């Protein structure tokens, strides 16, 4: 100490300021984390072509993903078949609109499923489904 002469432990050097968020572990126990952004992308990109459910499958909801996959393919097929004629367009357009709305909901659903999975794994150490 400069005032009294006592020995003082060396101060640690100042730490740089950072706004980075601490990284979540990639694995919790032996279960991998599911990235919600990846789940959303896997729902969005193939979903453009009517290939739905991939994001749900990634999040671990295999049955839900397969059900959406079949539904998306059937709606895409029906929309294409009805679009062949002018009269069929009257039926195809509502199918396309419904498909677009469902596609948007599935993107957020896959993202939410990945978050639910991560929360359950972190809380219990086991996959929720």
N, C-alpha and C. Protein backbone atom coordinates (compact mmCIF):
# COMPACT_ATOMS: atom_id res chain seq x y z
N UNK A 1 0.85 -1.16 0.00
CA UNK A 1 0.00 0.00 0.00
C UNK A 1 0.90 1.23 0.00
N UNK A 2 0.53 2.22 -0.80
CA UNK A 2 1.33 3.43 -0.89
C UNK A 2 1.25 4.26 0.39
N UNK A 3 0.18 4.12 1.15
CA UNK A 3 0.00 4.92 2.36
C UNK A 3 0.67 4.30 3.58
N UNK A 4 0.52 2.96 3.76
CA UNK A 4 1.00 2.34 4.98
C UNK A 4 2.17 1.39 4.76
N UNK A 5 2.45 0.97 3.54
CA UNK A 5 3.56 0.08 3.25
C UNK A 5 3.21 -1.39 3.33
N UNK A 6 1.94 -1.73 3.61
CA UNK A 6 1.53 -3.13 3.71
C UNK A 6 1.54 -3.77 2.32
N UNK A 7 1.76 -5.12 2.32
CA UNK A 7 1.77 -5.85 1.06
C UNK A 7 0.33 -6.06 0.60
N UNK A 8 0.07 -5.73 -0.62
CA UNK A 8 -1.28 -5.86 -1.19
C UNK A 8 -1.18 -6.80 -2.39
N UNK A 9 -2.15 -7.72 -2.49
CA UNK A 9 -2.19 -8.63 -3.64
C UNK A 9 -2.40 -7.84 -4.91
N UNK A 10 -1.76 -8.30 -5.96
CA UNK A 10 -1.87 -7.62 -7.25
C UNK A 10 -3.31 -7.69 -7.75
N UNK A 11 -3.80 -6.60 -8.25
CA UNK A 11 -5.16 -6.55 -8.79
C UNK A 11 -5.18 -7.24 -10.15
N UNK A 12 -6.30 -7.85 -10.44
CA UNK A 12 -6.42 -8.50 -11.75
C UNK A 12 -6.59 -7.42 -12.81
N UNK A 13 -6.10 -7.67 -14.00
CA UNK A 13 -6.21 -6.66 -15.06
C UNK A 13 -7.68 -6.44 -15.41
N UNK A 14 -8.04 -5.25 -15.85
CA UNK A 14 -9.44 -4.99 -16.20
C UNK A 14 -9.88 -5.89 -17.36
N UNK A 15 -11.11 -6.34 -17.29
CA UNK A 15 -11.66 -7.21 -18.32
C UNK A 15 -12.32 -6.35 -19.40
N UNK A 16 -12.15 -6.71 -20.67
CA UNK A 16 -12.79 -5.91 -21.73
C UNK A 16 -14.30 -6.05 -21.65
N UNK A 17 -15.01 -5.00 -21.99
CA UNK A 17 -16.47 -5.01 -22.00
C UNK A 17 -16.96 -5.80 -23.20
N UNK A 18 -17.92 -6.65 -22.97
CA UNK A 18 -18.48 -7.44 -24.07
C UNK A 18 -19.99 -7.51 -23.91
N UNK A 19 -20.67 -7.53 -25.03
CA UNK A 19 -22.13 -7.69 -25.03
C UNK A 19 -22.52 -9.09 -25.44
N UNK A 20 -21.54 -9.96 -25.65
CA UNK A 20 -21.84 -11.32 -26.10
C UNK A 20 -22.59 -12.07 -25.01
N UNK A 21 -23.57 -12.82 -25.45
CA UNK A 21 -24.34 -13.65 -24.53
C UNK A 21 -23.55 -14.91 -24.23
N UNK A 22 -23.65 -15.43 -23.00
CA UNK A 22 -22.96 -16.69 -22.74
C UNK A 22 -23.54 -17.80 -23.61
N UNK A 23 -22.68 -18.64 -24.10
CA UNK A 23 -23.12 -19.72 -24.99
C UNK A 23 -23.83 -20.80 -24.20
N UNK A 24 -24.95 -21.25 -24.75
CA UNK A 24 -25.66 -22.39 -24.17
C UNK A 24 -24.85 -23.63 -24.51
N UNK A 25 -24.84 -24.62 -23.65
CA UNK A 25 -24.10 -25.84 -24.00
C UNK A 25 -24.72 -26.51 -25.22
N UNK A 26 -23.86 -27.09 -26.06
CA UNK A 26 -24.34 -27.79 -27.24
C UNK A 26 -25.06 -29.06 -26.84
N UNK A 27 -24.61 -29.69 -25.76
CA UNK A 27 -25.23 -30.90 -25.25
C UNK A 27 -25.62 -30.69 -23.81
N UNK A 28 -26.73 -31.26 -23.42
CA UNK A 28 -27.11 -31.32 -22.01
C UNK A 28 -27.16 -32.80 -21.69
N UNK A 29 -26.25 -33.26 -20.86
CA UNK A 29 -26.10 -34.70 -20.66
C UNK A 29 -25.61 -35.29 -21.97
N UNK A 30 -26.35 -36.25 -22.49
CA UNK A 30 -25.97 -36.83 -23.78
C UNK A 30 -26.95 -36.43 -24.89
N UNK A 31 -27.82 -35.45 -24.61
CA UNK A 31 -28.81 -35.00 -25.60
C UNK A 31 -28.38 -33.68 -26.23
N UNK A 32 -28.43 -33.60 -27.56
CA UNK A 32 -28.04 -32.35 -28.22
C UNK A 32 -29.12 -31.29 -28.06
N UNK A 33 -28.69 -30.02 -28.03
CA UNK A 33 -29.65 -28.92 -28.05
C UNK A 33 -30.21 -28.80 -29.47
N UNK A 34 -31.42 -28.31 -29.57
CA UNK A 34 -32.05 -28.06 -30.87
C UNK A 34 -32.12 -26.55 -31.06
N UNK A 35 -31.48 -26.07 -32.09
CA UNK A 35 -31.45 -24.63 -32.35
C UNK A 35 -32.80 -24.19 -32.93
N UNK A 36 -33.52 -23.29 -32.24
CA UNK A 36 -34.82 -22.83 -32.76
C UNK A 36 -34.73 -22.17 -34.14
N UNK A 37 -33.62 -21.49 -34.42
CA UNK A 37 -33.47 -20.86 -35.74
C UNK A 37 -33.34 -21.91 -36.84
N UNK A 38 -32.63 -22.99 -36.55
CA UNK A 38 -32.49 -24.07 -37.53
C UNK A 38 -33.85 -24.74 -37.75
N UNK A 39 -34.60 -24.94 -36.66
CA UNK A 39 -35.94 -25.54 -36.79
C UNK A 39 -36.83 -24.66 -37.66
N UNK A 40 -36.77 -23.34 -37.46
CA UNK A 40 -37.58 -22.43 -38.27
C UNK A 40 -37.16 -22.48 -39.74
N UNK A 41 -35.85 -22.51 -40.00
CA UNK A 41 -35.38 -22.59 -41.39
C UNK A 41 -35.77 -23.91 -42.04
N UNK A 42 -35.70 -24.99 -41.28
CA UNK A 42 -36.09 -26.29 -41.83
C UNK A 42 -37.59 -26.38 -42.07
N UNK A 43 -38.35 -25.56 -41.38
CA UNK A 43 -39.79 -25.49 -41.65
C UNK A 43 -40.06 -24.57 -42.84
N UNK A 44 -39.29 -23.49 -42.94
CA UNK A 44 -39.57 -22.47 -43.96
C UNK A 44 -39.12 -22.87 -45.35
N UNK A 45 -37.87 -23.29 -45.48
CA UNK A 45 -37.33 -23.50 -46.83
C UNK A 45 -37.99 -24.65 -47.58
N UNK A 46 -38.05 -25.87 -47.02
CA UNK A 46 -38.75 -26.93 -47.76
C UNK A 46 -40.26 -26.67 -47.83
N UNK A 47 -40.77 -25.91 -46.85
CA UNK A 47 -42.20 -25.64 -46.81
C UNK A 47 -42.70 -24.84 -47.99
N UNK A 48 -41.81 -24.08 -48.62
CA UNK A 48 -42.20 -23.32 -49.81
C UNK A 48 -42.74 -24.26 -50.88
N UNK A 49 -42.20 -25.47 -50.95
CA UNK A 49 -42.62 -26.45 -51.96
C UNK A 49 -43.69 -27.41 -51.45
N UNK A 50 -44.21 -27.13 -50.26
CA UNK A 50 -45.22 -28.02 -49.70
C UNK A 50 -44.64 -29.18 -48.93
N UNK A 51 -43.33 -29.15 -48.71
CA UNK A 51 -42.69 -30.20 -47.92
C UNK A 51 -42.65 -29.71 -46.48
N UNK A 52 -43.73 -29.97 -45.79
CA UNK A 52 -43.89 -29.47 -44.43
C UNK A 52 -43.41 -30.49 -43.41
N UNK A 53 -43.20 -30.05 -42.19
CA UNK A 53 -42.93 -30.96 -41.08
C UNK A 53 -41.46 -31.22 -40.80
N UNK A 54 -40.55 -30.78 -41.64
CA UNK A 54 -39.13 -31.06 -41.44
C UNK A 54 -38.62 -30.39 -40.17
N UNK A 55 -39.07 -29.17 -39.91
CA UNK A 55 -38.67 -28.47 -38.69
C UNK A 55 -39.15 -29.18 -37.44
N UNK A 56 -40.36 -29.73 -37.48
CA UNK A 56 -40.88 -30.49 -36.34
C UNK A 56 -40.09 -31.77 -36.13
N UNK A 57 -39.72 -32.43 -37.23
CA UNK A 57 -38.90 -33.64 -37.11
C UNK A 57 -37.55 -33.32 -36.48
N UNK A 58 -36.93 -32.21 -36.89
CA UNK A 58 -35.66 -31.79 -36.30
C UNK A 58 -35.81 -31.56 -34.80
N UNK A 59 -36.94 -30.98 -34.39
CA UNK A 59 -37.17 -30.70 -32.98
C UNK A 59 -37.53 -31.96 -32.19
N UNK A 60 -37.63 -33.09 -32.85
CA UNK A 60 -37.88 -34.34 -32.17
C UNK A 60 -39.32 -34.82 -32.24
N UNK A 61 -40.20 -34.05 -32.84
CA UNK A 61 -41.60 -34.44 -32.97
C UNK A 61 -41.79 -35.16 -34.31
N UNK A 62 -41.34 -36.39 -34.35
CA UNK A 62 -41.32 -37.16 -35.60
C UNK A 62 -42.74 -37.41 -36.12
N UNK A 63 -43.63 -37.86 -35.27
CA UNK A 63 -45.01 -38.15 -35.69
C UNK A 63 -45.71 -36.92 -36.21
N UNK A 64 -45.56 -35.80 -35.51
CA UNK A 64 -46.16 -34.54 -35.95
C UNK A 64 -45.56 -34.13 -37.29
N UNK A 65 -44.25 -34.28 -37.42
CA UNK A 65 -43.59 -33.92 -38.67
C UNK A 65 -44.05 -34.75 -39.85
N UNK A 66 -44.21 -36.04 -39.64
CA UNK A 66 -44.68 -36.92 -40.73
C UNK A 66 -46.12 -36.57 -41.11
N UNK A 67 -46.96 -36.29 -40.10
CA UNK A 67 -48.35 -35.91 -40.39
C UNK A 67 -48.39 -34.63 -41.22
N UNK A 68 -47.57 -33.64 -40.87
CA UNK A 68 -47.53 -32.40 -41.64
C UNK A 68 -46.92 -32.62 -43.02
N UNK A 69 -45.96 -33.52 -43.13
CA UNK A 69 -45.36 -33.82 -44.42
C UNK A 69 -46.41 -34.37 -45.38
N UNK A 70 -47.19 -35.33 -44.92
CA UNK A 70 -48.24 -35.92 -45.76
C UNK A 70 -49.29 -34.87 -46.11
N UNK A 71 -49.69 -34.07 -45.12
CA UNK A 71 -50.69 -33.02 -45.37
C UNK A 71 -50.19 -32.02 -46.40
N UNK A 72 -48.95 -31.59 -46.26
CA UNK A 72 -48.40 -30.62 -47.21
C UNK A 72 -48.32 -31.16 -48.62
N UNK A 73 -47.90 -32.41 -48.74
CA UNK A 73 -47.80 -33.00 -50.08
C UNK A 73 -49.17 -33.19 -50.72
N UNK A 74 -50.16 -33.58 -49.92
CA UNK A 74 -51.52 -33.74 -50.45
C UNK A 74 -52.07 -32.39 -50.90
N UNK A 75 -51.91 -31.34 -50.07
CA UNK A 75 -52.40 -30.02 -50.47
C UNK A 75 -51.66 -29.48 -51.70
N UNK A 76 -50.36 -29.70 -51.78
CA UNK A 76 -49.60 -29.25 -52.95
C UNK A 76 -50.10 -29.97 -54.21
N UNK A 77 -50.34 -31.28 -54.08
CA UNK A 77 -50.84 -32.05 -55.21
C UNK A 77 -52.22 -31.57 -55.64
N UNK A 78 -53.13 -31.39 -54.67
CA UNK A 78 -54.48 -30.93 -55.00
C UNK A 78 -54.46 -29.54 -55.63
N UNK A 79 -53.63 -28.66 -55.07
CA UNK A 79 -53.53 -27.32 -55.64
C UNK A 79 -53.05 -27.35 -57.08
N UNK A 80 -52.08 -28.22 -57.37
CA UNK A 80 -51.56 -28.34 -58.73
C UNK A 80 -52.59 -28.95 -59.67
N UNK A 81 -53.31 -29.97 -59.21
CA UNK A 81 -54.31 -30.62 -60.06
C UNK A 81 -55.45 -29.66 -60.39
N UNK A 82 -55.93 -28.95 -59.38
CA UNK A 82 -57.05 -28.04 -59.62
C UNK A 82 -56.63 -26.83 -60.45
N UNK A 83 -55.37 -26.45 -60.41
CA UNK A 83 -54.92 -25.26 -61.13
C UNK A 83 -54.83 -25.48 -62.64
N UNK A 84 -55.06 -26.68 -63.10
CA UNK A 84 -54.94 -26.98 -64.53
C UNK A 84 -56.02 -26.26 -65.34
N UNK A 85 -57.21 -26.13 -64.80
CA UNK A 85 -58.30 -25.48 -65.54
C UNK A 85 -58.69 -24.17 -64.85
N UNK A 86 -59.37 -23.32 -65.58
CA UNK A 86 -59.82 -22.04 -65.04
C UNK A 86 -60.82 -22.28 -63.90
N UNK A 87 -61.75 -23.21 -64.09
CA UNK A 87 -62.71 -23.52 -63.04
C UNK A 87 -62.00 -24.09 -61.82
N UNK A 88 -60.97 -24.87 -62.06
CA UNK A 88 -60.21 -25.44 -60.96
C UNK A 88 -59.46 -24.40 -60.15
N UNK A 89 -59.12 -23.28 -60.78
CA UNK A 89 -58.44 -22.20 -60.06
C UNK A 89 -59.31 -21.65 -58.93
N UNK A 90 -60.62 -21.71 -59.11
CA UNK A 90 -61.52 -21.25 -58.05
C UNK A 90 -61.32 -22.09 -56.80
N UNK A 91 -61.00 -23.35 -56.97
CA UNK A 91 -60.73 -24.23 -55.82
C UNK A 91 -59.26 -24.13 -55.41
N UNK A 92 -58.36 -23.99 -56.38
CA UNK A 92 -56.92 -24.00 -56.07
C UNK A 92 -56.50 -22.78 -55.28
N UNK A 93 -57.04 -21.61 -55.58
CA UNK A 93 -56.61 -20.39 -54.90
C UNK A 93 -56.87 -20.45 -53.39
N UNK A 94 -58.05 -20.87 -52.94
CA UNK A 94 -58.23 -21.01 -51.48
C UNK A 94 -57.29 -22.07 -50.86
N UNK A 95 -56.98 -23.12 -51.61
CA UNK A 95 -56.04 -24.12 -51.12
C UNK A 95 -54.67 -23.49 -50.93
N UNK A 96 -54.24 -22.67 -51.89
CA UNK A 96 -52.94 -22.01 -51.79
C UNK A 96 -52.91 -21.03 -50.62
N UNK A 97 -54.00 -20.29 -50.44
CA UNK A 97 -54.05 -19.32 -49.33
C UNK A 97 -54.00 -20.06 -47.99
N UNK A 98 -54.78 -21.13 -47.87
CA UNK A 98 -54.75 -21.92 -46.63
C UNK A 98 -53.37 -22.52 -46.42
N UNK A 99 -52.76 -23.00 -47.48
CA UNK A 99 -51.42 -23.56 -47.38
C UNK A 99 -50.40 -22.54 -46.92
N UNK A 100 -50.50 -21.32 -47.41
CA UNK A 100 -49.58 -20.26 -47.00
C UNK A 100 -49.73 -19.95 -45.51
N UNK A 101 -50.96 -19.86 -45.05
CA UNK A 101 -51.21 -19.58 -43.63
C UNK A 101 -50.68 -20.72 -42.76
N UNK A 102 -50.95 -21.95 -43.16
CA UNK A 102 -50.46 -23.10 -42.40
C UNK A 102 -48.94 -23.11 -42.39
N UNK A 103 -48.32 -22.80 -43.50
CA UNK A 103 -46.86 -22.77 -43.61
C UNK A 103 -46.26 -21.78 -42.62
N UNK A 104 -46.83 -20.59 -42.51
CA UNK A 104 -46.34 -19.59 -41.56
C UNK A 104 -46.49 -20.11 -40.13
N UNK A 105 -47.64 -20.69 -39.82
CA UNK A 105 -47.87 -21.24 -38.47
C UNK A 105 -46.87 -22.35 -38.17
N UNK A 106 -46.56 -23.18 -39.15
CA UNK A 106 -45.61 -24.28 -38.94
C UNK A 106 -44.20 -23.78 -38.67
N UNK A 107 -43.82 -22.67 -39.26
CA UNK A 107 -42.49 -22.10 -38.99
C UNK A 107 -42.37 -21.76 -37.52
N UNK A 108 -43.36 -21.02 -37.00
CA UNK A 108 -43.33 -20.65 -35.58
C UNK A 108 -43.52 -21.87 -34.68
N UNK A 109 -44.31 -22.85 -35.13
CA UNK A 109 -44.50 -24.06 -34.36
C UNK A 109 -43.24 -24.88 -34.21
N UNK A 110 -42.47 -24.99 -35.27
CA UNK A 110 -41.20 -25.73 -35.21
C UNK A 110 -40.21 -25.02 -34.30
N UNK A 111 -40.17 -23.70 -34.40
CA UNK A 111 -39.29 -22.92 -33.52
C UNK A 111 -39.69 -23.12 -32.06
N UNK A 112 -40.98 -23.08 -31.78
CA UNK A 112 -41.46 -23.29 -30.41
C UNK A 112 -41.19 -24.70 -29.92
N UNK A 113 -41.32 -25.68 -30.80
CA UNK A 113 -41.05 -27.06 -30.41
C UNK A 113 -39.59 -27.24 -30.02
N UNK A 114 -38.68 -26.59 -30.76
CA UNK A 114 -37.26 -26.68 -30.42
C UNK A 114 -36.99 -26.04 -29.05
N UNK A 115 -37.65 -24.92 -28.78
CA UNK A 115 -37.49 -24.27 -27.47
C UNK A 115 -38.04 -25.16 -26.36
N UNK A 116 -39.20 -25.76 -26.58
CA UNK A 116 -39.78 -26.67 -25.58
C UNK A 116 -38.85 -27.85 -25.32
N UNK A 117 -38.29 -28.39 -26.38
CA UNK A 117 -37.36 -29.50 -26.25
C UNK A 117 -36.18 -29.10 -25.38
N UNK A 118 -35.56 -27.95 -25.71
CA UNK A 118 -34.40 -27.49 -24.95
C UNK A 118 -34.74 -27.24 -23.49
N UNK A 119 -35.88 -26.63 -23.23
CA UNK A 119 -36.29 -26.36 -21.85
C UNK A 119 -36.47 -27.66 -21.07
N UNK A 120 -37.15 -28.63 -21.69
CA UNK A 120 -37.38 -29.91 -21.02
C UNK A 120 -36.09 -30.66 -20.76
N UNK A 121 -35.19 -30.65 -21.73
CA UNK A 121 -33.91 -31.35 -21.57
C UNK A 121 -33.08 -30.70 -20.46
N UNK A 122 -33.09 -29.37 -20.44
CA UNK A 122 -32.33 -28.67 -19.41
C UNK A 122 -32.93 -28.90 -18.02
N UNK A 123 -34.26 -28.96 -17.94
CA UNK A 123 -34.93 -29.16 -16.66
C UNK A 123 -34.83 -30.59 -16.15
N UNK A 124 -35.06 -31.56 -17.05
CA UNK A 124 -35.17 -32.95 -16.61
C UNK A 124 -34.02 -33.83 -17.07
N UNK A 125 -33.26 -33.39 -18.08
CA UNK A 125 -32.19 -34.22 -18.62
C UNK A 125 -32.69 -35.27 -19.59
N UNK A 126 -34.00 -35.21 -19.93
CA UNK A 126 -34.59 -36.18 -20.85
C UNK A 126 -35.35 -35.45 -21.95
N UNK A 127 -35.43 -36.10 -23.09
CA UNK A 127 -36.23 -35.54 -24.19
C UNK A 127 -37.70 -35.56 -23.79
N UNK A 128 -38.44 -34.51 -24.12
CA UNK A 128 -39.84 -34.43 -23.69
C UNK A 128 -40.79 -35.34 -24.46
N UNK A 129 -40.42 -35.77 -25.65
CA UNK A 129 -41.32 -36.61 -26.44
C UNK A 129 -40.54 -37.72 -27.10
